[in-house]
Amino acid sequence: MTGRVARQGEGRDRLGTRRAVGRLECKVAFATLRLHRISVRVVDYNVRAIRAYEKCGFAVEGRDREAALVDGTWHDDVIMGILDREFAGA
């Protein structure tokens, strides 16, 4: 579970807060845990999440076609990843 990064009233939208939390999670993963890479899977219709991961430095590495069944409809999973050397906050 992640902690609150910004207090209410500071003018940050939810996406900006999520991006800040994502950067903090990457910093901990690479600097503290010394991981080499992080990968995530995002359902293709979650465009906001894909955009947020891209802004944190994640790259689209591939796609699993019709891998997620959501409400009776098949959707692709977008596979994204980032390496320690690609993360600017490390």
Protein backbone atom coordinates (compact mmCIF):
# COMPACT_ATOMS: atom_id res chain seq x y z
CA MET A 1 0.00 0.00 0.00
CA THR A 2 1.33 3.43 -0.89
CA GLY A 3 1.17 6.50 1.31
CA ARG A 4 -0.29 9.89 0.51
CA VAL A 5 2.18 11.97 -1.51
CA ALA A 6 0.32 15.28 -1.80
CA ARG A 7 -2.03 16.94 0.67
CA GLN A 8 -5.45 18.15 -0.41
CA GLY A 9 -5.53 21.73 -1.59
CA GLU A 10 -2.05 21.74 -3.12
CA GLY A 11 -3.48 21.89 -6.63
CA ARG A 12 -2.40 18.42 -7.75
CA ASP A 13 -4.86 16.27 -9.65
CA ARG A 14 -5.24 12.55 -8.97
CA LEU A 15 -3.21 11.59 -12.04
CA GLY A 16 -0.36 13.87 -10.92
CA THR A 17 -0.45 12.32 -7.48
CA ARG A 18 -0.44 8.81 -8.96
CA ARG A 19 2.55 9.76 -11.12
CA ALA A 20 4.42 11.03 -8.05
CA VAL A 21 3.64 7.81 -6.18
CA GLY A 22 4.80 5.78 -9.20
CA ARG A 23 8.12 7.64 -9.29
CA LEU A 24 8.57 7.09 -5.56
CA GLU A 25 7.85 3.38 -5.95
CA CYS A 26 10.43 3.15 -8.77
CA LYS A 27 12.99 5.02 -6.68
CA VAL A 28 12.52 2.57 -3.79
CA ALA A 29 12.61 -0.42 -6.16
CA PHE A 30 15.82 0.65 -7.88
CA ALA A 31 17.74 2.54 -5.17
CA THR A 32 16.71 0.65 -2.03
CA LEU A 33 15.77 -2.82 -3.25
CA ARG A 34 18.35 -2.67 -6.08
CA LEU A 35 16.01 -4.30 -8.62
CA HIS A 36 17.17 -4.42 -12.23
CA ARG A 37 13.75 -4.11 -13.88
CA ILE A 38 10.07 -3.59 -13.17
CA SER A 39 7.28 -4.80 -15.43
CA VAL A 40 3.54 -4.21 -15.38
CA ARG A 41 0.52 -5.47 -17.31
CA VAL A 42 -2.27 -3.02 -18.12
CA VAL A 43 -5.58 -3.78 -19.82
CA ASP A 44 -5.54 -1.98 -23.17
CA TYR A 45 -8.59 0.20 -22.49
CA ASN A 46 -6.92 1.75 -19.40
CA VAL A 47 -5.34 4.56 -21.41
CA ARG A 48 -4.81 6.82 -18.39
CA ALA A 49 -2.73 4.16 -16.62
CA ILE A 50 -0.67 3.49 -19.77
CA ARG A 51 -0.01 7.23 -20.14
CA ALA A 52 0.95 7.55 -16.45
CA TYR A 53 3.41 4.63 -16.71
CA GLU A 54 4.94 6.14 -19.86
CA LYS A 55 5.45 9.45 -18.04
CA CYS A 56 7.31 7.52 -15.31
CA GLY A 57 9.63 6.11 -17.99
CA PHE A 58 8.02 2.74 -18.72
CA ALA A 59 8.14 1.53 -22.33
CA VAL A 60 5.60 -0.70 -24.09
CA GLU A 61 7.37 -4.04 -24.53
CA GLY A 62 4.55 -6.06 -26.01
CA ARG A 63 0.95 -7.10 -26.00
CA ASP A 64 -0.81 -10.30 -25.02
CA ARG A 65 -3.79 -10.50 -27.33
CA GLU A 66 -7.15 -11.19 -25.69
CA ALA A 67 -5.54 -12.17 -22.40
CA ALA A 68 -8.03 -10.50 -20.05
CA LEU A 69 -11.71 -11.38 -19.87
CA VAL A 70 -13.57 -8.37 -18.45
CA ASP A 71 -17.37 -8.42 -18.20
CA GLY A 72 -17.64 -11.06 -20.90
CA THR A 73 -15.36 -9.27 -23.39
CA TRP A 74 -11.76 -10.18 -24.21
CA HIS A 75 -9.16 -7.39 -24.04
CA ASP A 76 -5.45 -7.21 -24.75
CA ASP A 77 -2.90 -6.83 -21.94
CA VAL A 78 -0.25 -4.20 -22.65
CA ILE A 79 3.10 -5.24 -21.16
CA MET A 80 5.29 -2.36 -20.02
CA GLY A 81 8.70 -2.27 -18.38
CA ILE A 82 11.51 -0.06 -17.16
CA LEU A 83 15.17 -0.86 -16.44
CA ASP A 84 17.19 0.62 -13.60
CA ARG A 85 19.40 2.62 -16.00
CA GLU A 86 16.32 4.10 -17.70
CA PHE A 87 14.89 5.53 -14.50
CA ALA A 88 16.00 9.15 -14.13
CA GLY A 89 15.24 9.26 -10.40
CA ALA A 90 17.66 6.47 -9.46
